Amino acid sequence: MQRRVFTTALLGALASNAQAPPARLPNRPKVPGALQLRTRRREAPGGKLRVAEQTARWETARTAIIICDMWDTHTCALSAQRVALMAPRMNQVLSAARGHGVMIIHAPSDTMKFYEGTPYRQRMKEAPTASSPFPLLNRCPRDSAEEKAFPIDDTRSPCDDPIVKTWTGPYPWTRQHPAIDILGFDGVSDNGQEIYNFCRQEGITNIALMGVHTNICILNRGFGARQFTRLGFQVALVRDLTDAMYDPRERPYVSHTRGTELVIEHIERFWCPSIVSDDLLRVIPGSAGAVS
């Protein structure tokens, strides 16, 4: 069954001049209930990176949240533990956003067999194939130029367990973490073409990405930041509901938390802005009223 939206609420507030360059963070007041899109840009070639925020308005009926690879377990025990800690907070955010009319798409890759026959899986499969400006890829890895600029070394073993086991498969995950509810008109898919089809069918133009892992699946998946930014969607990473696969024993030899921050900063610079989850919990007062 196709989702129907009868009224439209607004996430955030429209900036007073959407074409103006974003102001520096210290000089820009926060707007309650607004999406604060954080980016990083160089002031000039070779110059200093500038952190900026811009206030944006996203219509809930045109917005989807994609939850990336929040599996029930992982080959890396510390990664699994961090996912388990994140899942309850993520579920609270999803519940509030769902109530406001945001589409929720669950994308626990490699586990579609678990969801076969459910309405959540079926509605994603039934969306008609939409034409795309270029052939869609199942995986969009870093190219050589981005590899040189990438802030952490995850080329060997990004797992930060004390003893890293070599995994030959099959992978241990079977479903999404059970602390995250799948309800109502939610969808389930791990396929970039299917998710693109559904977004086109529903008129979705805004994508908020959350989940793991920031440096791998959030960027690389067919439904991830690289491909959907290239497709022309307004994409934002929810930076307080993500985690990287990074081992502090590798370059640049910082804490795991700082390694995640470095990847987020890279995404803000090269791919899409970031927001915080609180931005998805509120709508502009009065914007959800009946359409005349």
C-alpha atoms as a PDB file:
ATOM      1  CA  MET A   1       0.000   0.000   0.000  1.00  0.00           C
ATOM      2  CA  GLN A   2       1.335   3.416  -0.954  1.00  0.00           C
ATOM      3  CA  ARG A   3       1.787   5.963   1.799  1.00  0.00           C
ATOM      4  CA  ARG A   4      -0.590   8.928   1.669  1.00  0.00           C
ATOM      5  CA  VAL A   5       0.296  12.329   3.141  1.00  0.00           C
ATOM      6  CA  PHE A   6      -2.634  14.715   3.602  1.00  0.00           C
ATOM      7  CA  THR A   7      -0.843  17.581   5.340  1.00  0.00           C
ATOM      8  CA  THR A   8       2.728  18.719   5.272  1.00  0.00           C
ATOM      9  CA  ALA A   9       4.767  19.839   8.240  1.00  0.00           C
ATOM     10  CA  LEU A  10       8.088  21.608   7.988  1.00  0.00           C
ATOM     11  CA  LEU A  11      11.299  20.410   9.581  1.00  0.00           C
ATOM     12  CA  GLY A  12      13.228  23.550  10.416  1.00  0.00           C
ATOM     13  CA  ALA A  13      12.810  27.100   9.175  1.00  0.00           C
ATOM     14  CA  LEU A  14      13.614  28.682   5.834  1.00  0.00           C
ATOM     15  CA  ALA A  15      16.757  30.776   5.878  1.00  0.00           C
ATOM     16  CA  SER A  16      16.083  34.479   5.294  1.00  0.00           C
ATOM     17  CA  ASN A  17      18.188  34.364   2.142  1.00  0.00           C
ATOM     18  CA  ALA A  18      18.712  30.851   0.855  1.00  0.00           C
ATOM     19  CA  GLN A  19      21.203  32.032  -1.773  1.00  0.00           C
ATOM     20  CA  ALA A  20      23.467  33.885   0.624  1.00  0.00           C
ATOM     21  CA  PRO A  21      26.674  32.147   1.749  1.00  0.00           C
ATOM     22  CA  PRO A  22      26.381  30.611   5.238  1.00  0.00           C
ATOM     23  CA  ALA A  23      27.686  32.752   8.054  1.00  0.00           C
ATOM     24  CA  ARG A  24      30.457  31.721  10.417  1.00  0.00           C
ATOM     25  CA  LEU A  25      29.231  29.622  13.327  1.00  0.00           C
ATOM     26  CA  PRO A  26      30.019  32.099  16.158  1.00  0.00           C
ATOM     27  CA  ASN A  27      27.952  34.832  14.457  1.00  0.00           C
ATOM     28  CA  ARG A  28      24.887  32.817  13.529  1.00  0.00           C
ATOM     29  CA  PRO A  29      22.183  32.282  16.179  1.00  0.00           C
ATOM     30  CA  LYS A  30      20.444  28.951  16.393  1.00  0.00           C
ATOM     31  CA  VAL A  31      16.834  28.813  15.231  1.00  0.00           C
ATOM     32  CA  PRO A  32      14.661  26.578  17.448  1.00  0.00           C
ATOM     33  CA  GLY A  33      13.339  23.614  15.496  1.00  0.00           C
ATOM     34  CA  ALA A  34      15.531  24.326  12.484  1.00  0.00           C
ATOM     35  CA  LEU A  35      17.744  22.052  10.449  1.00  0.00           C
ATOM     36  CA  GLN A  36      21.240  23.421  10.929  1.00  0.00           C
ATOM     37  CA  LEU A  37      23.225  22.109   7.965  1.00  0.00           C
ATOM     38  CA  ARG A  38      26.917  22.088   8.899  1.00  0.00           C
ATOM     39  CA  THR A  39      29.518  22.158   6.140  1.00  0.00           C
ATOM     40  CA  ARG A  40      33.268  22.757   5.765  1.00  0.00           C
ATOM     41  CA  ARG A  41      34.746  24.792   2.926  1.00  0.00           C
ATOM     42  CA  ARG A  42      38.097  26.372   2.168  1.00  0.00           C
ATOM     43  CA  GLU A  43      38.017  30.165   2.102  1.00  0.00           C
ATOM     44  CA  ALA A  44      40.388  30.072  -0.900  1.00  0.00           C
ATOM     45  CA  PRO A  45      42.482  27.441  -2.706  1.00  0.00           C
ATOM     46  CA  GLY A  46      45.012  26.253  -0.162  1.00  0.00           C
ATOM     47  CA  GLY A  47      43.386  28.417   2.500  1.00  0.00           C
ATOM     48  CA  LYS A  48      41.973  27.579   5.902  1.00  0.00           C
ATOM     49  CA  LEU A  49      38.878  25.372   6.212  1.00  0.00           C
ATOM     50  CA  ARG A  50      35.814  27.312   7.332  1.00  0.00           C
ATOM     51  CA  VAL A  51      33.051  25.663   9.360  1.00  0.00           C
ATOM     52  CA  ALA A  52      29.626  27.095   8.611  1.00  0.00           C
ATOM     53  CA  GLU A  53      25.964  26.399   9.281  1.00  0.00           C
ATOM     54  CA  GLN A  54      22.935  27.270   7.224  1.00  0.00           C
ATOM     55  CA  THR A  55      19.342  27.054   8.375  1.00  0.00           C
ATOM     56  CA  ALA A  56      17.121  24.989   6.077  1.00  0.00           C
ATOM     57  CA  ARG A  57      13.512  23.936   5.649  1.00  0.00           C
ATOM     58  CA  TRP A  58      12.618  20.366   4.726  1.00  0.00           C
ATOM     59  CA  GLU A  59       9.012  19.348   4.121  1.00  0.00           C
ATOM     60  CA  THR A  60       8.278  16.176   6.057  1.00  0.00           C
ATOM     61  CA  ALA A  61       6.369  14.634   3.130  1.00  0.00           C
ATOM     62  CA  ARG A  62       9.495  15.036   0.977  1.00  0.00           C
ATOM     63  CA  THR A  63      11.888  13.693   3.615  1.00  0.00           C
ATOM     64  CA  ALA A  64      13.115  10.166   4.327  1.00  0.00           C
ATOM     65  CA  ILE A  65      15.458   8.829   6.972  1.00  0.00           C
ATOM     66  CA  ILE A  66      17.626   5.907   5.851  1.00  0.00           C
ATOM     67  CA  ILE A  67      19.022   3.716   8.644  1.00  0.00           C
ATOM     68  CA  CYS A  68      22.207   2.101   7.391  1.00  0.00           C
ATOM     69  CA  ASP A  69      23.415  -1.310   8.591  1.00  0.00           C
ATOM     70  CA  MET A  70      22.355  -1.142  12.247  1.00  0.00           C
ATOM     71  CA  TRP A  71      22.720  -4.910  12.508  1.00  0.00           C
ATOM     72  CA  ASP A  72      21.874  -7.194  15.419  1.00  0.00           C
ATOM     73  CA  THR A  73      25.544  -8.190  15.734  1.00  0.00           C
ATOM     74  CA  HIS A  74      28.890  -7.632  14.049  1.00  0.00           C
ATOM     75  CA  THR A  75      32.213  -9.322  13.395  1.00  0.00           C
ATOM     76  CA  CYS A  76      33.817  -6.602  15.560  1.00  0.00           C
ATOM     77  CA  ALA A  77      32.642  -6.863  19.187  1.00  0.00           C
ATOM     78  CA  LEU A  78      33.292  -3.206  20.042  1.00  0.00           C
ATOM     79  CA  SER A  79      31.379  -2.081  16.951  1.00  0.00           C
ATOM     80  CA  ALA A  80      28.439  -4.263  17.987  1.00  0.00           C
ATOM     81  CA  GLN A  81      28.535  -2.784  21.481  1.00  0.00           C
ATOM     82  CA  ARG A  82      28.439   0.789  20.172  1.00  0.00           C
ATOM     83  CA  VAL A  83      25.513  -0.052  17.868  1.00  0.00           C
ATOM     84  CA  ALA A  84      23.598  -1.522  20.813  1.00  0.00           C
ATOM     85  CA  LEU A  85      24.132   1.682  22.792  1.00  0.00           C
ATOM     86  CA  MET A  86      23.037   3.861  19.874  1.00  0.00           C
ATOM     87  CA  ALA A  87      19.931   1.894  18.885  1.00  0.00           C
ATOM     88  CA  PRO A  88      17.506   3.014  21.653  1.00  0.00           C
ATOM     89  CA  ARG A  89      18.198   6.716  21.057  1.00  0.00           C
ATOM     90  CA  MET A  90      17.871   6.167  17.318  1.00  0.00           C
ATOM     91  CA  ASN A  91      14.494   4.514  17.850  1.00  0.00           C
ATOM     92  CA  GLN A  92      13.253   7.544  19.816  1.00  0.00           C
ATOM     93  CA  VAL A  93      14.243   9.867  16.984  1.00  0.00           C
ATOM     94  CA  LEU A  94      12.639   7.631  14.359  1.00  0.00           C
ATOM     95  CA  SER A  95       9.408   7.387  16.357  1.00  0.00           C
ATOM     96  CA  ALA A  96       9.122  11.171  16.594  1.00  0.00           C
ATOM     97  CA  ALA A  97      10.007  11.730  12.929  1.00  0.00           C
ATOM     98  CA  ARG A  98       7.556   9.036  11.822  1.00  0.00           C
ATOM     99  CA  GLY A  99       4.815  10.802  13.763  1.00  0.00           C
ATOM    100  CA  HIS A 100       5.588  14.049  11.922  1.00  0.00           C
ATOM    101  CA  GLY A 101       5.186  12.308   8.541  1.00  0.00           C
ATOM    102  CA  VAL A 102       8.813  11.531   7.665  1.00  0.00           C
ATOM    103  CA  MET A 103       9.328   8.298   5.693  1.00  0.00           C
ATOM    104  CA  ILE A 104      11.498   5.742   7.496  1.00  0.00           C
ATOM    105  CA  ILE A 105      13.593   3.358   5.368  1.00  0.00           C
ATOM    106  CA  HIS A 106      15.478   0.563   7.133  1.00  0.00           C
ATOM    107  CA  ALA A 107      18.532  -0.657   5.217  1.00  0.00           C
ATOM    108  CA  PRO A 108      20.233  -3.511   7.105  1.00  0.00           C
ATOM    109  CA  SER A 109      22.292  -4.844   4.207  1.00  0.00           C
ATOM    110  CA  ASP A 110      22.539  -8.595   3.557  1.00  0.00           C
ATOM    111  CA  THR A 111      19.478  -9.407   5.700  1.00  0.00           C
ATOM    112  CA  MET A 112      16.586  -9.047   3.250  1.00  0.00           C
ATOM    113  CA  LYS A 113      15.691 -12.732   3.620  1.00  0.00           C
ATOM    114  CA  PHE A 114      14.577 -12.003   7.189  1.00  0.00           C
ATOM    115  CA  TYR A 115      12.028  -9.437   5.933  1.00  0.00           C
ATOM    116  CA  GLU A 116      10.666 -11.257   2.875  1.00  0.00           C
ATOM    117  CA  GLY A 117       6.875 -11.380   2.847  1.00  0.00           C
ATOM    118  CA  THR A 118       6.466  -8.353   5.127  1.00  0.00           C
ATOM    119  CA  PRO A 119       4.602  -5.234   3.923  1.00  0.00           C
ATOM    120  CA  TYR A 120       7.717  -3.160   4.699  1.00  0.00           C
ATOM    121  CA  ARG A 121       9.793  -5.149   2.228  1.00  0.00           C
ATOM    122  CA  GLN A 122       7.007  -5.503  -0.332  1.00  0.00           C
ATOM    123  CA  ARG A 123       6.247  -1.778  -0.675  1.00  0.00           C
ATOM    124  CA  MET A 124       9.877  -1.088  -1.578  1.00  0.00           C
ATOM    125  CA  LYS A 125       9.944  -3.868  -4.194  1.00  0.00           C
ATOM    126  CA  GLU A 126       6.682  -2.718  -5.795  1.00  0.00           C
ATOM    127  CA  ALA A 127       7.762   0.853  -6.558  1.00  0.00           C
ATOM    128  CA  PRO A 128       8.038   1.221 -10.338  1.00  0.00           C
ATOM    129  CA  THR A 129      11.531   1.474 -11.796  1.00  0.00           C
ATOM    130  CA  ALA A 130      12.554   5.107 -12.124  1.00  0.00           C
ATOM    131  CA  SER A 131      14.985   6.373 -14.718  1.00  0.00           C
ATOM    132  CA  SER A 132      18.216   7.768 -13.302  1.00  0.00           C
ATOM    133  CA  PRO A 133      20.739  10.233 -14.760  1.00  0.00           C
ATOM    134  CA  PHE A 134      23.426   7.522 -14.723  1.00  0.00           C
ATOM    135  CA  PRO A 135      23.596   3.764 -14.084  1.00  0.00           C
ATOM    136  CA  LEU A 136      23.197   3.137 -10.364  1.00  0.00           C
ATOM    137  CA  LEU A 137      25.914   1.196  -8.578  1.00  0.00           C
ATOM    138  CA  ASN A 138      25.493  -1.277  -5.739  1.00  0.00           C
ATOM    139  CA  ARG A 139      28.681   0.030  -4.166  1.00  0.00           C
ATOM    140  CA  CYS A 140      30.442   3.386  -4.583  1.00  0.00           C
ATOM    141  CA  PRO A 141      33.958   3.119  -3.128  1.00  0.00           C
ATOM    142  CA  ARG A 142      36.451   5.951  -2.750  1.00  0.00           C
ATOM    143  CA  ASP A 143      38.398   6.898  -5.842  1.00  0.00           C
ATOM    144  CA  SER A 144      42.158   7.436  -5.714  1.00  0.00           C
ATOM    145  CA  ALA A 145      41.875  11.201  -5.169  1.00  0.00           C
ATOM    146  CA  GLU A 146      39.537  10.809  -2.197  1.00  0.00           C
ATOM    147  CA  GLU A 147      41.676   7.990  -0.825  1.00  0.00           C
ATOM    148  CA  LYS A 148      44.620  10.377  -0.613  1.00  0.00           C
ATOM    149  CA  ALA A 149      42.506  12.952   1.239  1.00  0.00           C
ATOM    150  CA  PHE A 150      40.819  10.464   3.589  1.00  0.00           C
ATOM    151  CA  PRO A 151      41.614  11.363   7.226  1.00  0.00           C
ATOM    152  CA  ILE A 152      41.922   7.849   8.720  1.00  0.00           C
ATOM    153  CA  ASP A 153      43.605   4.634   7.650  1.00  0.00           C
ATOM    154  CA  ASP A 154      41.001   1.869   7.429  1.00  0.00           C
ATOM    155  CA  THR A 155      42.712  -0.121   4.692  1.00  0.00           C
ATOM    156  CA  ARG A 156      43.883  -3.018   6.854  1.00  0.00           C
ATOM    157  CA  SER A 157      41.615  -3.910   9.768  1.00  0.00           C
ATOM    158  CA  PRO A 158      39.405  -1.060  11.015  1.00  0.00           C
ATOM    159  CA  CYS A 159      38.155  -3.156  13.962  1.00  0.00           C
ATOM    160  CA  ASP A 160      39.424  -1.875  17.324  1.00  0.00           C
ATOM    161  CA  ASP A 161      38.991  -5.132  19.255  1.00  0.00           C
ATOM    162  CA  PRO A 162      42.128  -6.077  21.245  1.00  0.00           C
ATOM    163  CA  ILE A 163      42.417  -9.251  19.164  1.00  0.00           C
ATOM    164  CA  VAL A 164      41.061  -8.904  15.646  1.00  0.00           C
ATOM    165  CA  LYS A 165      39.847 -12.185  14.193  1.00  0.00           C
ATOM    166  CA  THR A 166      40.064 -12.904  10.497  1.00  0.00           C
ATOM    167  CA  TRP A 167      36.506 -13.421   9.288  1.00  0.00           C
ATOM    168  CA  THR A 168      35.945 -15.727   6.339  1.00  0.00           C
ATOM    169  CA  GLY A 169      32.142 -15.713   6.533  1.00  0.00           C
ATOM    170  CA  PRO A 170      29.283 -16.125   6.492  1.00  0.00           C
ATOM    171  CA  TYR A 171      28.660 -12.821   8.272  1.00  0.00           C
ATOM    172  CA  PRO A 172      26.909 -13.186  11.639  1.00  0.00           C
ATOM    173  CA  TRP A 173      24.232 -10.506  11.235  1.00  0.00           C
ATOM    174  CA  THR A 174      20.740 -11.696  10.361  1.00  0.00           C
ATOM    175  CA  ARG A 175      18.496  -8.628  10.839  1.00  0.00           C
ATOM    176  CA  GLN A 176      18.393  -5.049  12.036  1.00  0.00           C
ATOM    177  CA  HIS A 177      18.992  -4.461  15.744  1.00  0.00           C
ATOM    178  CA  PRO A 178      15.730  -5.377  17.529  1.00  0.00           C
ATOM    179  CA  ALA A 179      15.764  -2.137  19.562  1.00  0.00           C
ATOM    180  CA  ILE A 180      14.785  -0.270  16.362  1.00  0.00           C
ATOM    181  CA  ASP A 181      11.083  -0.628  15.570  1.00  0.00           C
ATOM    182  CA  ILE A 182       9.802  -1.246  12.043  1.00  0.00           C
ATOM    183  CA  LEU A 183       6.210  -0.024  11.950  1.00  0.00           C
ATOM    184  CA  GLY A 184       3.387   1.477   9.905  1.00  0.00           C
ATOM    185  CA  PHE A 185       4.448   2.665   6.470  1.00  0.00           C
ATOM    186  CA  ASP A 186       8.173   2.047   7.033  1.00  0.00           C
ATOM    187  CA  GLY A 187      10.133   0.415   4.228  1.00  0.00           C
ATOM    188  CA  VAL A 188      12.931  -2.175   4.211  1.00  0.00           C
ATOM    189  CA  SER A 189      15.510  -2.378   1.426  1.00  0.00           C
ATOM    190  CA  ASP A 190      19.270  -2.596   0.984  1.00  0.00           C
ATOM    191  CA  ASN A 191      19.159  -1.886  -2.751  1.00  0.00           C
ATOM    192  CA  GLY A 192      20.019   1.558  -4.104  1.00  0.00           C
ATOM    193  CA  GLN A 193      17.788   1.200  -7.171  1.00  0.00           C
ATOM    194  CA  GLU A 194      14.795   0.100  -5.078  1.00  0.00           C
ATOM    195  CA  ILE A 195      15.239   2.985  -2.650  1.00  0.00           C
ATOM    196  CA  TYR A 196      15.658   5.422  -5.529  1.00  0.00           C
ATOM    197  CA  ASN A 197      12.483   4.054  -7.159  1.00  0.00           C
ATOM    198  CA  PHE A 198      10.522   4.478  -3.948  1.00  0.00           C
ATOM    199  CA  CYS A 199      11.800   8.001  -3.323  1.00  0.00           C
ATOM    200  CA  ARG A 200      10.806   9.036  -6.836  1.00  0.00           C
ATOM    201  CA  GLN A 201       7.362   7.456  -6.397  1.00  0.00           C
ATOM    202  CA  GLU A 202       6.788   9.276  -3.108  1.00  0.00           C
ATOM    203  CA  GLY A 203       8.232  12.618  -4.176  1.00  0.00           C
ATOM    204  CA  ILE A 204      11.056  12.397  -1.633  1.00  0.00           C
ATOM    205  CA  THR A 205      13.879  14.855  -2.251  1.00  0.00           C
ATOM    206  CA  ASN A 206      15.549  15.028   1.187  1.00  0.00           C
ATOM    207  CA  ILE A 207      17.531  12.176   2.755  1.00  0.00           C
ATOM    208  CA  ALA A 208      18.828  12.033   6.329  1.00  0.00           C
ATOM    209  CA  LEU A 209      21.352   9.222   6.763  1.00  0.00           C
ATOM    210  CA  MET A 210      22.089   7.606  10.123  1.00  0.00           C
ATOM    211  CA  GLY A 211      23.681   4.347  11.202  1.00  0.00           C
ATOM    212  CA  VAL A 212      27.030   2.687  10.596  1.00  0.00           C
ATOM    213  CA  HIS A 213      29.708   2.727   9.552  1.00  0.00           C
ATOM    214  CA  THR A 214      30.446   6.314   8.608  1.00  0.00           C
ATOM    215  CA  ASN A 215      33.625   5.693   6.617  1.00  0.00           C
ATOM    216  CA  ILE A 216      32.389   2.543   4.890  1.00  0.00           C
ATOM    217  CA  CYS A 217      28.675   1.859   4.404  1.00  0.00           C
ATOM    218  CA  ILE A 218      27.322   5.395   4.935  1.00  0.00           C
ATOM    219  CA  LEU A 219      29.504   6.509   2.034  1.00  0.00           C
ATOM    220  CA  ASN A 220      29.849   3.351  -0.057  1.00  0.00           C
ATOM    221  CA  ARG A 221      26.408   1.759  -0.207  1.00  0.00           C
ATOM    222  CA  GLY A 222      24.206   2.185  -3.261  1.00  0.00           C
ATOM    223  CA  PHE A 223      21.805   4.132  -1.038  1.00  0.00           C
ATOM    224  CA  GLY A 224      24.622   6.025   0.681  1.00  0.00           C
ATOM    225  CA  ALA A 225      25.882   9.598   0.675  1.00  0.00           C
ATOM    226  CA  ARG A 226      28.014   9.403  -2.473  1.00  0.00           C
ATOM    227  CA  GLN A 227      25.395   8.007  -4.830  1.00  0.00           C
ATOM    228  CA  PHE A 228      22.356   9.892  -3.512  1.00  0.00           C
ATOM    229  CA  THR A 229      24.237  13.200  -3.482  1.00  0.00           C
ATOM    230  CA  ARG A 230      25.230  12.578  -7.098  1.00  0.00           C
ATOM    231  CA  LEU A 231      21.576  11.806  -7.879  1.00  0.00           C
ATOM    232  CA  GLY A 232      20.630  15.315  -6.769  1.00  0.00           C
ATOM    233  CA  PHE A 233      18.994  14.585  -3.421  1.00  0.00           C
ATOM    234  CA  GLN A 234      19.512  16.928  -0.507  1.00  0.00           C
ATOM    235  CA  VAL A 235      21.447  14.572   1.750  1.00  0.00           C
ATOM    236  CA  ALA A 236      22.460  15.172   5.366  1.00  0.00           C
ATOM    237  CA  LEU A 237      24.361  12.912   7.762  1.00  0.00           C
ATOM    238  CA  VAL A 238      22.968  12.709  11.299  1.00  0.00           C
ATOM    239  CA  ARG A 239      26.311  13.109  13.004  1.00  0.00           C
ATOM    240  CA  ASP A 240      25.298  12.108  16.548  1.00  0.00           C
ATOM    241  CA  LEU A 241      23.734   8.842  15.346  1.00  0.00           C
ATOM    242  CA  THR A 242      26.644   7.327  13.474  1.00  0.00           C
ATOM    243  CA  ASP A 243      29.925   5.583  14.217  1.00  0.00           C
ATOM    244  CA  ALA A 244      33.061   4.809  12.234  1.00  0.00           C
ATOM    245  CA  MET A 245      35.050   1.625  11.846  1.00  0.00           C
ATOM    246  CA  TYR A 246      38.423   2.874  13.014  1.00  0.00           C
ATOM    247  CA  ASP A 247      41.257   1.319  14.995  1.00  0.00           C
ATOM    248  CA  PRO A 248      43.295   3.856  17.049  1.00  0.00           C
ATOM    249  CA  ARG A 249      46.353   1.678  16.376  1.00  0.00           C
ATOM    250  CA  GLU A 250      46.254   3.016  12.805  1.00  0.00           C
ATOM    251  CA  ARG A 251      46.923   6.469  11.356  1.00  0.00           C
ATOM    252  CA  PRO A 252      46.316   9.192  12.585  1.00  0.00           C
ATOM    253  CA  TYR A 253      46.570   7.441  16.000  1.00  0.00           C
ATOM    254  CA  VAL A 254      43.696   9.238  17.700  1.00  0.00           C
ATOM    255  CA  SER A 255      40.859   7.938  19.849  1.00  0.00           C
ATOM    256  CA  HIS A 256      37.993   6.048  18.227  1.00  0.00           C
ATOM    257  CA  THR A 257      35.664   8.970  18.928  1.00  0.00           C
ATOM    258  CA  ARG A 258      38.035  11.428  17.293  1.00  0.00           C
ATOM    259  CA  GLY A 259      38.428   9.074  14.331  1.00  0.00           C
ATOM    260  CA  THR A 260      34.651   9.168  13.822  1.00  0.00           C
ATOM    261  CA  GLU A 261      34.689  12.963  14.051  1.00  0.00           C
ATOM    262  CA  LEU A 262      37.387  13.143  11.387  1.00  0.00           C
ATOM    263  CA  VAL A 263      35.289  11.073   8.985  1.00  0.00           C
ATOM    264  CA  ILE A 264      32.241  13.281   9.663  1.00  0.00           C
ATOM    265  CA  GLU A 265      34.357  16.353   8.936  1.00  0.00           C
ATOM    266  CA  HIS A 266      35.497  14.750   5.667  1.00  0.00           C
ATOM    267  CA  ILE A 267      31.885  14.113   4.651  1.00  0.00           C
ATOM    268  CA  GLU A 268      30.913  17.690   5.525  1.00  0.00           C
ATOM    269  CA  ARG A 269      33.706  18.937   3.298  1.00  0.00           C
ATOM    270  CA  PHE A 270      33.367  16.663   0.266  1.00  0.00           C
ATOM    271  CA  TRP A 271      29.884  15.127   0.178  1.00  0.00           C
ATOM    272  CA  CYS A 272      27.024  16.537   2.228  1.00  0.00           C
ATOM    273  CA  PRO A 273      26.254  18.612   5.315  1.00  0.00           C
ATOM    274  CA  SER A 274      25.542  17.109   8.708  1.00  0.00           C
ATOM    275  CA  ILE A 275      22.788  17.725  11.227  1.00  0.00           C
ATOM    276  CA  VAL A 276      22.059  16.531  14.764  1.00  0.00           C
ATOM    277  CA  SER A 277      19.155  14.249  15.635  1.00  0.00           C
ATOM    278  CA  ASP A 278      17.323  16.980  17.572  1.00  0.00           C
ATOM    279  CA  ASP A 279      16.701  18.662  14.211  1.00  0.00           C
ATOM    280  CA  LEU A 280      14.427  15.746  13.279  1.00  0.00           C
ATOM    281  CA  LEU A 281      12.342  15.845  16.458  1.00  0.00           C
ATOM    282  CA  ARG A 282      10.545  19.159  15.929  1.00  0.00           C
ATOM    283  CA  VAL A 283       8.471  20.822  13.246  1.00  0.00           C
ATOM    284  CA  ILE A 284       7.730  24.501  12.758  1.00  0.00           C
ATOM    285  CA  PRO A 285       4.712  25.356  14.964  1.00  0.00           C
ATOM    286  CA  GLY A 286       1.508  25.522  12.944  1.00  0.00           C
ATOM    287  CA  SER A 287       3.039  24.059   9.779  1.00  0.00           C
ATOM    288  CA  ALA A 288       1.179  20.747  10.112  1.00  0.00           C
ATOM    289  CA  GLY A 289      -2.260  22.382   9.874  1.00  0.00           C
ATOM    290  CA  ALA A 290      -4.841  21.403   7.256  1.00  0.00           C
ATOM    291  CA  VAL A 291      -4.098  22.509   3.716  1.00  0.00           C
ATOM    292  CA  SER A 292      -6.768  24.877   2.438  1.00  0.00           C
END
